[in-house]
């Protein structure tokens, strides 16, 4: 499914992308839901992390500029290798009662 999105076989759902963007915006809004919380985050960002006063606004602007091609490149570089047997090591942990022993690698 990931490779289908990367090669264009399956198109990205416009509403899902807008929902993801909305989720990020809501996350920022929730973090700064009160004046006290906003002041705390502003202090931490500016003093501890040496970020600009409007760092969060700049970040949100950059998030809005992410294109479908950017998503495809990120999927290809970071997410796809996790699910390919030749580029990842996966371990599944479960209760012994639910196992069926298999000692062959998946092709």
PDB file of N, CA and C in Angstrom:
ATOM      1  N   UNK A   1       0.819  -1.182   0.000  1.00  0.00           N
ATOM      2  CA  UNK A   1       0.000   0.000   0.000  1.00  0.00           C
ATOM      3  C   UNK A   1       0.875   1.263   0.000  1.00  0.00           C
ATOM      4  N   UNK A   2       1.950   1.236   0.771  1.00  0.00           N
ATOM      5  CA  UNK A   2       2.841   2.394   0.797  1.00  0.00           C
ATOM      6  C   UNK A   2       3.469   2.596  -0.577  1.00  0.00           C
ATOM      7  N   UNK A   3       3.917   1.512  -1.179  1.00  0.00           N
ATOM      8  CA  UNK A   3       4.554   1.630  -2.497  1.00  0.00           C
ATOM      9  C   UNK A   3       3.543   2.098  -3.547  1.00  0.00           C
ATOM     10  N   UNK A   4       2.264   1.747  -3.373  1.00  0.00           N
ATOM     11  CA  UNK A   4       1.230   2.225  -4.300  1.00  0.00           C
ATOM     12  C   UNK A   4       1.080   3.738  -4.224  1.00  0.00           C
ATOM     13  N   UNK A   5       1.193   4.292  -3.040  1.00  0.00           N
ATOM     14  CA  UNK A   5       1.128   5.742  -2.896  1.00  0.00           C
ATOM     15  C   UNK A   5       2.384   6.397  -3.479  1.00  0.00           C
ATOM     16  N   UNK A   6       3.522   5.751  -3.302  1.00  0.00           N
ATOM     17  CA  UNK A   6       4.778   6.317  -3.801  1.00  0.00           C
ATOM     18  C   UNK A   6       4.801   6.363  -5.323  1.00  0.00           C
ATOM     19  N   UNK A   7       4.391   5.267  -5.957  1.00  0.00           N
ATOM     20  CA  UNK A   7       4.458   5.238  -7.424  1.00  0.00           C
ATOM     21  C   UNK A   7       3.226   5.831  -8.105  1.00  0.00           C
ATOM     22  N   UNK A   8       2.238   6.255  -7.327  1.00  0.00           N
ATOM     23  CA  UNK A   8       1.075   6.924  -7.904  1.00  0.00           C
ATOM     24  C   UNK A   8      -0.072   6.013  -8.254  1.00  0.00           C
ATOM     25  N   UNK A   9       0.080   4.708  -8.025  1.00  0.00           N
ATOM     26  CA  UNK A   9      -1.012   3.777  -8.296  1.00  0.00           C
ATOM     27  C   UNK A   9      -2.245   4.145  -7.478  1.00  0.00           C
ATOM     28  N   UNK A  10      -2.026   4.498  -6.218  1.00  0.00           N
ATOM     29  CA  UNK A  10      -3.090   4.958  -5.334  1.00  0.00           C
ATOM     30  C   UNK A  10      -2.839   6.424  -5.026  1.00  0.00           C
ATOM     31  N   UNK A  11      -3.854   7.235  -5.278  1.00  0.00           N
ATOM     32  CA  UNK A  11      -3.714   8.672  -5.027  1.00  0.00           C
ATOM     33  C   UNK A  11      -3.929   8.972  -3.545  1.00  0.00           C
ATOM     34  N   UNK A  12      -3.304  10.035  -3.086  1.00  0.00           N
ATOM     35  CA  UNK A  12      -3.535  10.492  -1.720  1.00  0.00           C
ATOM     36  C   UNK A  12      -4.928  11.111  -1.650  1.00  0.00           C
ATOM     37  N   UNK A  13      -5.645  10.810  -0.600  1.00  0.00           N
ATOM     38  CA  UNK A  13      -6.975  11.371  -0.391  1.00  0.00           C
ATOM     39  C   UNK A  13      -6.836  12.816   0.068  1.00  0.00           C
ATOM     40  N   UNK A  14      -7.415  13.730  -0.698  1.00  0.00           N
ATOM     41  CA  UNK A  14      -7.296  15.158  -0.398  1.00  0.00           C
ATOM     42  C   UNK A  14      -7.830  15.468   1.001  1.00  0.00           C
ATOM     43  N   UNK A  15      -8.935  14.844   1.357  1.00  0.00           N
ATOM     44  CA  UNK A  15      -9.538  15.107   2.663  1.00  0.00           C
ATOM     45  C   UNK A  15      -8.671  14.559   3.805  1.00  0.00           C
ATOM     46  N   UNK A  16      -8.008  13.431   3.569  1.00  0.00           N
ATOM     47  CA  UNK A  16      -7.110  12.876   4.584  1.00  0.00           C
ATOM     48  C   UNK A  16      -5.913  13.795   4.804  1.00  0.00           C
ATOM     49  N   UNK A  17      -5.380  14.361   3.721  1.00  0.00           N
ATOM     50  CA  UNK A  17      -4.260  15.291   3.844  1.00  0.00           C
ATOM     51  C   UNK A  17      -4.682  16.553   4.588  1.00  0.00           C
ATOM     52  N   UNK A  18      -5.872  17.069   4.274  1.00  0.00           N
ATOM     53  CA  UNK A  18      -6.377  18.247   4.983  1.00  0.00           C
ATOM     54  C   UNK A  18      -6.624  17.920   6.454  1.00  0.00           C
ATOM     55  N   UNK A  19      -7.101  16.704   6.722  1.00  0.00           N
ATOM     56  CA  UNK A  19      -7.311  16.273   8.106  1.00  0.00           C
ATOM     57  C   UNK A  19      -6.009  16.185   8.877  1.00  0.00           C
ATOM     58  N   UNK A  20      -4.969  15.703   8.216  1.00  0.00           N
ATOM     59  CA  UNK A  20      -3.654  15.622   8.865  1.00  0.00           C
ATOM     60  C   UNK A  20      -3.136  17.018   9.195  1.00  0.00           C
ATOM     61  N   UNK A  21      -3.298  17.942   8.271  1.00  0.00           N
ATOM     62  CA  UNK A  21      -2.887  19.318   8.501  1.00  0.00           C
ATOM     63  C   UNK A  21      -3.684  19.922   9.659  1.00  0.00           C
ATOM     64  N   UNK A  22      -4.978  19.673   9.664  1.00  0.00           N
ATOM     65  CA  UNK A  22      -5.817  20.181  10.751  1.00  0.00           C
ATOM     66  C   UNK A  22      -5.387  19.596  12.096  1.00  0.00           C
ATOM     67  N   UNK A  23      -5.017  18.327  12.097  1.00  0.00           N
ATOM     68  CA  UNK A  23      -4.544  17.699  13.325  1.00  0.00           C
ATOM     69  C   UNK A  23      -3.299  18.361  13.874  1.00  0.00           C
ATOM     70  N   UNK A  24      -2.393  18.744  12.987  1.00  0.00           N
ATOM     71  CA  UNK A  24      -1.168  19.430  13.413  1.00  0.00           C
ATOM     72  C   UNK A  24      -1.512  20.797  13.985  1.00  0.00           C
ATOM     73  N   UNK A  25      -2.398  21.526  13.315  1.00  0.00           N
ATOM     74  CA  UNK A  25      -2.803  22.847  13.790  1.00  0.00           C
ATOM     75  C   UNK A  25      -3.476  22.742  15.150  1.00  0.00           C
ATOM     76  N   UNK A  26      -4.358  21.757  15.309  1.00  0.00           N
ATOM     77  CA  UNK A  26      -5.049  21.559  16.589  1.00  0.00           C
ATOM     78  C   UNK A  26      -4.052  21.216  17.686  1.00  0.00           C
ATOM     79  N   UNK A  27      -3.044  20.428  17.350  1.00  0.00           N
ATOM     80  CA  UNK A  27      -2.012  20.078  18.330  1.00  0.00           C
ATOM     81  C   UNK A  27      -1.294  21.323  18.840  1.00  0.00           C
ATOM     82  N   UNK A  28      -0.951  22.227  17.925  1.00  0.00           N
ATOM     83  CA  UNK A  28      -0.314  23.481  18.334  1.00  0.00           C
ATOM     84  C   UNK A  28      -1.268  24.303  19.200  1.00  0.00           C
ATOM     85  N   UNK A  29      -2.525  24.349  18.791  1.00  0.00           N
ATOM     86  CA  UNK A  29      -3.509  25.135  19.544  1.00  0.00           C
ATOM     87  C   UNK A  29      -3.719  24.557  20.940  1.00  0.00           C
ATOM     88  N   UNK A  30      -3.760  23.241  21.051  1.00  0.00           N
ATOM     89  CA  UNK A  30      -3.940  22.608  22.361  1.00  0.00           C
ATOM     90  C   UNK A  30      -2.755  22.863  23.281  1.00  0.00           C
ATOM     91  N   UNK A  31      -1.564  22.886  22.708  1.00  0.00           N
ATOM     92  CA  UNK A  31      -0.371  23.140  23.511  1.00  0.00           C
ATOM     93  C   UNK A  31      -0.375  24.548  24.095  1.00  0.00           C
ATOM     94  N   UNK A  32      -1.008  25.463  23.389  1.00  0.00           N
ATOM     95  CA  UNK A  32      -1.044  26.857  23.829  1.00  0.00           C
ATOM     96  C   UNK A  32      -2.482  27.277  24.159  1.00  0.00           C
ATOM     97  N   UNK A  33      -3.208  26.414  24.856  1.00  0.00           N
ATOM     98  CA  UNK A  33      -4.631  26.639  25.088  1.00  0.00           C
ATOM     99  C   UNK A  33      -4.927  27.739  26.109  1.00  0.00           C
ATOM    100  N   UNK A  34      -3.975  28.016  26.983  1.00  0.00           N
ATOM    101  CA  UNK A  34      -4.167  29.092  27.955  1.00  0.00           C
ATOM    102  C   UNK A  34      -3.007  30.082  27.830  1.00  0.00           C
ATOM    103  N   UNK A  35      -3.188  31.255  28.392  1.00  0.00           N
ATOM    104  CA  UNK A  35      -2.107  32.252  28.327  1.00  0.00           C
ATOM    105  C   UNK A  35      -0.871  31.753  29.055  1.00  0.00           C
ATOM    106  N   UNK A  36      -1.087  31.060  30.150  1.00  0.00           N
ATOM    107  CA  UNK A  36       0.038  30.526  30.917  1.00  0.00           C
ATOM    108  C   UNK A  36       0.798  29.477  30.113  1.00  0.00           C
ATOM    109  N   UNK A  37       0.059  28.581  29.467  1.00  0.00           N
ATOM    110  CA  UNK A  37       0.707  27.540  28.657  1.00  0.00           C
ATOM    111  C   UNK A  37       1.457  28.163  27.482  1.00  0.00           C
ATOM    112  N   UNK A  38       0.845  29.150  26.842  1.00  0.00           N
ATOM    113  CA  UNK A  38       1.494  29.819  25.714  1.00  0.00           C
ATOM    114  C   UNK A  38       2.772  30.518  26.158  1.00  0.00           C
ATOM    115  N   UNK A  39       2.722  31.168  27.320  1.00  0.00           N
ATOM    116  CA  UNK A  39       3.909  31.855  27.837  1.00  0.00           C
ATOM    117  C   UNK A  39       5.013  30.859  28.165  1.00  0.00           C
ATOM    118  N   UNK A  40       4.638  29.729  28.751  1.00  0.00           N
ATOM    119  CA  UNK A  40       5.624  28.701  29.101  1.00  0.00           C
ATOM    120  C   UNK A  40       6.293  28.157  27.844  1.00  0.00           C
ATOM    121  N   UNK A  41       5.494  27.831  26.848  1.00  0.00           N
ATOM    122  CA  UNK A  41       6.043  27.291  25.604  1.00  0.00           C
ATOM    123  C   UNK A  41       6.921  28.333  24.914  1.00  0.00           C
ATOM    124  N   UNK A  42       6.483  29.576  24.917  1.00  0.00           N
ATOM    125  CA  UNK A  42       7.274  30.646  24.309  1.00  0.00           C
ATOM    126  C   UNK A  42       8.618  30.790  25.018  1.00  0.00           C
ATOM    127  N   UNK A  43       8.605  30.736  26.343  1.00  0.00           N
ATOM    128  CA  UNK A  43       9.845  30.838  27.112  1.00  0.00           C
ATOM    129  C   UNK A  43      10.781  29.679  26.787  1.00  0.00           C
ATOM    130  N   UNK A  44      10.243  28.471  26.799  1.00  0.00           N
ATOM    131  CA  UNK A  44      11.071  27.286  26.529  1.00  0.00           C
ATOM    132  C   UNK A  44      11.653  27.361  25.122  1.00  0.00           C
ATOM    133  N   UNK A  45      10.814  27.716  24.149  1.00  0.00           N
ATOM    134  CA  UNK A  45      11.294  27.788  22.768  1.00  0.00           C
ATOM    135  C   UNK A  45      12.389  28.838  22.600  1.00  0.00           C
ATOM    136  N   UNK A  46      12.194  30.003  23.209  1.00  0.00           N
ATOM    137  CA  UNK A  46      13.154  31.085  23.013  1.00  0.00           C
ATOM    138  C   UNK A  46      14.415  30.928  23.846  1.00  0.00           C
ATOM    139  N   UNK A  47      14.272  30.563  25.112  1.00  0.00           N
ATOM    140  CA  UNK A  47      15.428  30.526  26.014  1.00  0.00           C
ATOM    141  C   UNK A  47      16.159  29.191  25.948  1.00  0.00           C
ATOM    142  N   UNK A  48      15.414  28.109  26.056  1.00  0.00           N
ATOM    143  CA  UNK A  48      16.055  26.794  26.114  1.00  0.00           C
ATOM    144  C   UNK A  48      16.486  26.319  24.727  1.00  0.00           C
ATOM    145  N   UNK A  49      15.599  26.474  23.737  1.00  0.00           N
ATOM    146  CA  UNK A  49      15.889  25.955  22.398  1.00  0.00           C
ATOM    147  C   UNK A  49      16.443  27.007  21.433  1.00  0.00           C
ATOM    148  N   UNK A  50      16.599  28.230  21.887  1.00  0.00           N
ATOM    149  CA  UNK A  50      17.127  29.333  21.060  1.00  0.00           C
ATOM    150  C   UNK A  50      16.365  29.497  19.748  1.00  0.00           C
ATOM    151  N   UNK A  51      15.047  29.368  19.808  1.00  0.00           N
ATOM    152  CA  UNK A  51      14.215  29.545  18.626  1.00  0.00           C
ATOM    153  C   UNK A  51      13.649  30.960  18.602  1.00  0.00           C
ATOM    154  N   UNK A  52      13.248  31.379  17.421  1.00  0.00           N
ATOM    155  CA  UNK A  52      12.703  32.727  17.291  1.00  0.00           C
ATOM    156  C   UNK A  52      11.337  32.825  17.971  1.00  0.00           C
ATOM    157  N   UNK A  53      10.913  34.048  18.183  1.00  0.00           N
ATOM    158  CA  UNK A  53       9.646  34.316  18.869  1.00  0.00           C
ATOM    159  C   UNK A  53       8.453  33.719  18.104  1.00  0.00           C
ATOM    160  N   UNK A  54       8.518  33.740  16.787  1.00  0.00           N
ATOM    161  CA  UNK A  54       7.410  33.232  15.975  1.00  0.00           C
ATOM    162  C   UNK A  54       7.729  31.874  15.335  1.00  0.00           C
ATOM    163  N   UNK A  55       8.519  31.073  16.027  1.00  0.00           N
ATOM    164  CA  UNK A  55       8.937  29.773  15.501  1.00  0.00           C
ATOM    165  C   UNK A  55       7.746  28.890  15.134  1.00  0.00           C
ATOM    166  N   UNK A  56       6.754  28.806  16.019  1.00  0.00           N
ATOM    167  CA  UNK A  56       5.604  27.940  15.754  1.00  0.00           C
ATOM    168  C   UNK A  56       4.832  28.396  14.518  1.00  0.00           C
ATOM    169  N   UNK A  57       4.697  29.697  14.330  1.00  0.00           N
ATOM    170  CA  UNK A  57       4.003  30.206  13.148  1.00  0.00           C
ATOM    171  C   UNK A  57       4.787  29.883  11.877  1.00  0.00           C
ATOM    172  N   UNK A  58       6.114  30.001  11.939  1.00  0.00           N
ATOM    173  CA  UNK A  58       6.941  29.654  10.787  1.00  0.00           C
ATOM    174  C   UNK A  58       6.827  28.162  10.473  1.00  0.00           C
ATOM    175  N   UNK A  59       6.807  27.348  11.521  1.00  0.00           N
ATOM    176  CA  UNK A  59       6.691  25.902  11.337  1.00  0.00           C
ATOM    177  C   UNK A  59       5.352  25.539  10.706  1.00  0.00           C
ATOM    178  N   UNK A  60       4.275  26.142  11.179  1.00  0.00           N
ATOM    179  CA  UNK A  60       2.963  25.880  10.588  1.00  0.00           C
ATOM    180  C   UNK A  60       2.918  26.307   9.123  1.00  0.00           C
ATOM    181  N   UNK A  61       3.555  27.416   8.795  1.00  0.00           N
ATOM    182  CA  UNK A  61       3.609  27.866   7.407  1.00  0.00           C
ATOM    183  C   UNK A  61       4.339  26.847   6.541  1.00  0.00           C
ATOM    184  N   UNK A  62       5.444  26.298   7.056  1.00  0.00           N
ATOM    185  CA  UNK A  62       6.201  25.290   6.307  1.00  0.00           C
ATOM    186  C   UNK A  62       5.401  24.006   6.154  1.00  0.00           C
ATOM    187  N   UNK A  63       4.641  23.642   7.175  1.00  0.00           N
ATOM    188  CA  UNK A  63       3.815  22.435   7.104  1.00  0.00           C
ATOM    189  C   UNK A  63       2.768  22.595   6.005  1.00  0.00           C
ATOM    190  N   UNK A  64       2.179  23.777   5.886  1.00  0.00           N
ATOM    191  CA  UNK A  64       1.177  24.031   4.846  1.00  0.00           C
ATOM    192  C   UNK A  64       1.768  23.948   3.442  1.00  0.00           C
ATOM    193  N   UNK A  65       3.064  24.178   3.312  1.00  0.00           N
ATOM    194  CA  UNK A  65       3.723  24.172   2.007  1.00  0.00           C
ATOM    195  C   UNK A  65       4.171  22.779   1.554  1.00  0.00           C
ATOM    196  N   UNK A  66       3.973  21.766   2.397  1.00  0.00           N
ATOM    197  CA  UNK A  66       4.381  20.406   2.045  1.00  0.00           C
ATOM    198  C   UNK A  66       3.525  19.913   0.878  1.00  0.00           C
ATOM    199  N   UNK A  67       4.177  19.402  -0.150  1.00  0.00           N
ATOM    200  CA  UNK A  67       3.467  18.934  -1.340  1.00  0.00           C
ATOM    201  C   UNK A  67       3.321  17.412  -1.318  1.00  0.00           C
ATOM    202  N   UNK A  68       2.519  16.904  -2.235  1.00  0.00           N
ATOM    203  CA  UNK A  68       2.344  15.458  -2.365  1.00  0.00           C
ATOM    204  C   UNK A  68       3.670  14.807  -2.738  1.00  0.00           C
ATOM    205  N   UNK A  69       4.462  15.474  -3.575  1.00  0.00           N
ATOM    206  CA  UNK A  69       5.779  14.930  -3.934  1.00  0.00           C
ATOM    207  C   UNK A  69       6.694  14.846  -2.712  1.00  0.00           C
ATOM    208  N   UNK A  70       6.598  15.826  -1.814  1.00  0.00           N
ATOM    209  CA  UNK A  70       7.369  15.774  -0.571  1.00  0.00           C
ATOM    210  C   UNK A  70       6.951  14.559   0.261  1.00  0.00           C
ATOM    211  N   UNK A  71       5.643  14.311   0.321  1.00  0.00           N
ATOM    212  CA  UNK A  71       5.150  13.147   1.059  1.00  0.00           C
ATOM    213  C   UNK A  71       5.660  11.854   0.442  1.00  0.00           C
ATOM    214  N   UNK A  72       5.595  11.762  -0.884  1.00  0.00           N
ATOM    215  CA  UNK A  72       6.075  10.555  -1.567  1.00  0.00           C
ATOM    216  C   UNK A  72       7.559  10.323  -1.288  1.00  0.00           C
ATOM    217  N   UNK A  73       8.360  11.381  -1.353  1.00  0.00           N
ATOM    218  CA  UNK A  73       9.799  11.246  -1.088  1.00  0.00           C
ATOM    219  C   UNK A  73      10.057  10.802   0.352  1.00  0.00           C
ATOM    220  N   UNK A  74       9.298  11.350   1.298  1.00  0.00           N
ATOM    221  CA  UNK A  74       9.460  10.957   2.704  1.00  0.00           C
ATOM    222  C   UNK A  74       9.050   9.515   2.928  1.00  0.00           C
ATOM    223  N   UNK A  75       7.951   9.117   2.308  1.00  0.00           N
ATOM    224  CA  UNK A  75       7.518   7.716   2.422  1.00  0.00           C
ATOM    225  C   UNK A  75       8.589   6.774   1.878  1.00  0.00           C
ATOM    226  N   UNK A  76       9.134   7.134   0.732  1.00  0.00           N
ATOM    227  CA  UNK A  76      10.144   6.291   0.081  1.00  0.00           C
ATOM    228  C   UNK A  76      11.417   6.203   0.914  1.00  0.00           C
ATOM    229  N   UNK A  77      11.831   7.326   1.484  1.00  0.00           N
ATOM    230  CA  UNK A  77      13.100   7.358   2.207  1.00  0.00           C
ATOM    231  C   UNK A  77      13.002   6.797   3.624  1.00  0.00           C
ATOM    232  N   UNK A  78      11.907   7.092   4.329  1.00  0.00           N
ATOM    233  CA  UNK A  78      11.845   6.756   5.746  1.00  0.00           C
ATOM    234  C   UNK A  78      10.899   5.604   6.094  1.00  0.00           C
ATOM    235  N   UNK A  79       9.719   5.566   5.502  1.00  0.00           N
ATOM    236  CA  UNK A  79       8.721   4.596   5.924  1.00  0.00           C
ATOM    237  C   UNK A  79       8.818   3.265   5.185  1.00  0.00           C
ATOM    238  N   UNK A  80       8.993   3.307   3.882  1.00  0.00           N
ATOM    239  CA  UNK A  80       9.047   2.080   3.092  1.00  0.00           C
ATOM    240  C   UNK A  80      10.146   1.113   3.548  1.00  0.00           C
ATOM    241  N   UNK A  81      11.360   1.583   3.835  1.00  0.00           N
ATOM    242  CA  UNK A  81      12.410   0.648   4.258  1.00  0.00           C
ATOM    243  C   UNK A  81      12.077  -0.132   5.538  1.00  0.00           C
ATOM    244  N   UNK A  82      11.188   0.394   6.357  1.00  0.00           N
ATOM    245  CA  UNK A  82      10.806  -0.310   7.581  1.00  0.00           C
ATOM    246  C   UNK A  82      10.082  -1.608   7.251  1.00  0.00           C
ATOM    247  N   UNK A  83       9.356  -1.634   6.143  1.00  0.00           N
ATOM    248  CA  UNK A  83       8.528  -2.782   5.794  1.00  0.00           C
ATOM    249  C   UNK A  83       9.143  -3.680   4.728  1.00  0.00           C
ATOM    250  N   UNK A  84      10.340  -3.388   4.291  1.00  0.00           N
ATOM    251  CA  UNK A  84      11.012  -4.236   3.314  1.00  0.00           C
ATOM    252  C   UNK A  84      11.952  -5.192   4.045  1.00  0.00           C
ATOM    253  N   UNK A  85      11.849  -6.468   3.714  1.00  0.00           N
ATOM    254  CA  UNK A  85      12.619  -7.471   4.437  1.00  0.00           C
ATOM    255  C   UNK A  85      14.123  -7.305   4.274  1.00  0.00           C
ATOM    256  N   UNK A  86      14.571  -6.720   3.164  1.00  0.00           N
ATOM    257  CA  UNK A  86      16.013  -6.589   2.942  1.00  0.00           C
ATOM    258  C   UNK A  86      16.619  -5.329   3.565  1.00  0.00           C
ATOM    259  N   UNK A  87      15.789  -4.455   4.138  1.00  0.00           N
ATOM    260  CA  UNK A  87      16.319  -3.228   4.730  1.00  0.00           C
ATOM    261  C   UNK A  87      15.935  -3.053   6.198  1.00  0.00           C
ATOM    262  N   UNK A  88      15.283  -4.053   6.783  1.00  0.00           N
ATOM    263  CA  UNK A  88      14.879  -3.895   8.181  1.00  0.00           C
ATOM    264  C   UNK A  88      14.971  -5.211   8.925  1.00  0.00           C
ATOM    265  N   UNK A  89      15.040  -5.096  10.226  1.00  0.00           N
ATOM    266  CA  UNK A  89      14.986  -6.252  11.113  1.00  0.00           C
ATOM    267  C   UNK A  89      13.749  -6.089  11.983  1.00  0.00           C
ATOM    268  N   UNK A  90      12.859  -7.066  11.918  1.00  0.00           N
ATOM    269  CA  UNK A  90      11.626  -6.997  12.688  1.00  0.00           C
ATOM    270  C   UNK A  90      11.545  -8.168  13.648  1.00  0.00           C
ATOM    271  N   UNK A  91      11.072  -7.898  14.823  1.00  0.00           N
ATOM    272  CA  UNK A  91      10.876  -8.929  15.834  1.00  0.00           C
ATOM    273  C   UNK A  91       9.440  -8.828  16.307  1.00  0.00           C
ATOM    274  N   UNK A  92       8.780  -9.954  16.358  1.00  0.00           N
ATOM    275  CA  UNK A  92       7.404  -9.978  16.835  1.00  0.00           C
ATOM    276  C   UNK A  92       7.394 -10.690  18.179  1.00  0.00           C
ATOM    277  N   UNK A  93       6.816 -10.028  19.170  1.00  0.00           N
ATOM    278  CA  UNK A  93       6.749 -10.591  20.505  1.00  0.00           C
ATOM    279  C   UNK A  93       5.297 -10.888  20.821  1.00  0.00           C
ATOM    280  N   UNK A  94       5.037 -12.102  21.274  1.00  0.00           N
ATOM    281  CA  UNK A  94       3.669 -12.489  21.616  1.00  0.00           C
ATOM    282  C   UNK A  94       3.703 -13.558  22.699  1.00  0.00           C
ATOM    283  N   UNK A  95       2.549 -13.864  23.232  1.00  0.00           N
ATOM    284  CA  UNK A  95       2.454 -14.905  24.256  1.00  0.00           C
ATOM    285  C   UNK A  95       2.739 -16.262  23.622  1.00  0.00           C
ATOM    286  N   UNK A  96       3.440 -17.160  24.331  1.00  0.00           N
ATOM    287  CA  UNK A  96       3.781 -18.467  23.765  1.00  0.00           C
ATOM    288  C   UNK A  96       2.564 -19.266  23.306  1.00  0.00           C
ATOM    289  N   UNK A  97       1.437 -19.053  23.909  1.00  0.00           N
ATOM    290  CA  UNK A  97       0.236 -19.795  23.554  1.00  0.00           C
ATOM    291  C   UNK A  97      -0.246 -19.446  22.145  1.00  0.00           C
ATOM    292  N   UNK A  98       0.095 -18.266  21.692  1.00  0.00           N
ATOM    293  CA  UNK A  98      -0.383 -17.791  20.395  1.00  0.00           C
ATOM    294  C   UNK A  98       0.637 -17.958  19.280  1.00  0.00           C
ATOM    295  N   UNK A  99       1.651 -18.773  19.482  1.00  0.00           N
ATOM    296  CA  UNK A  99       2.705 -18.893  18.475  1.00  0.00           C
ATOM    297  C   UNK A  99       2.593 -20.175  17.680  1.00  0.00           C
ATOM    298  N   UNK A 100       3.074 -20.076  16.478  1.00  0.00           N
ATOM    299  CA  UNK A 100       3.277 -21.232  15.624  1.00  0.00           C
ATOM    300  C   UNK A 100       4.700 -21.062  15.116  1.00  0.00           C
ATOM    301  N   UNK A 101       5.587 -21.927  15.481  1.00  0.00           N
ATOM    302  CA  UNK A 101       7.003 -21.748  15.209  1.00  0.00           C
ATOM    303  C   UNK A 101       7.271 -21.787  13.708  1.00  0.00           C
ATOM    304  N   UNK A 102       8.032 -20.807  13.244  1.00  0.00           N
ATOM    305  CA  UNK A 102       8.425 -20.719  11.857  1.00  0.00           C
ATOM    306  C   UNK A 102       9.852 -20.207  11.806  1.00  0.00           C
ATOM    307  N   UNK A 103      10.733 -20.966  11.165  1.00  0.00           N
ATOM    308  CA  UNK A 103      12.140 -20.588  11.135  1.00  0.00           C
ATOM    309  C   UNK A 103      12.629 -20.190   9.739  1.00  0.00           C
ATOM    310  N   UNK A 104      11.737 -19.848   8.858  1.00  0.00           N
ATOM    311  CA  UNK A 104      12.173 -19.418   7.540  1.00  0.00           C
ATOM    312  C   UNK A 104      11.941 -17.922   7.355  1.00  0.00           C
ATOM    313  N   UNK A 105      12.840 -17.257   6.678  1.00  0.00           N
ATOM    314  CA  UNK A 105      12.661 -15.820   6.441  1.00  0.00           C
ATOM    315  C   UNK A 105      11.585 -15.594   5.398  1.00  0.00           C
ATOM    316  N   UNK A 106      10.891 -14.499   5.530  1.00  0.00           N
ATOM    317  CA  UNK A 106       9.871 -14.158   4.544  1.00  0.00           C
ATOM    318  C   UNK A 106      10.519 -13.565   3.320  1.00  0.00           C
ATOM    319  N   UNK A 107      10.153 -14.020   2.142  1.00  0.00           N
ATOM    320  CA  UNK A 107      10.778 -13.499   0.906  1.00  0.00           C
ATOM    321  C   UNK A 107      10.317 -12.101   0.590  1.00  0.00           C
TER     322      UNK A 107
END
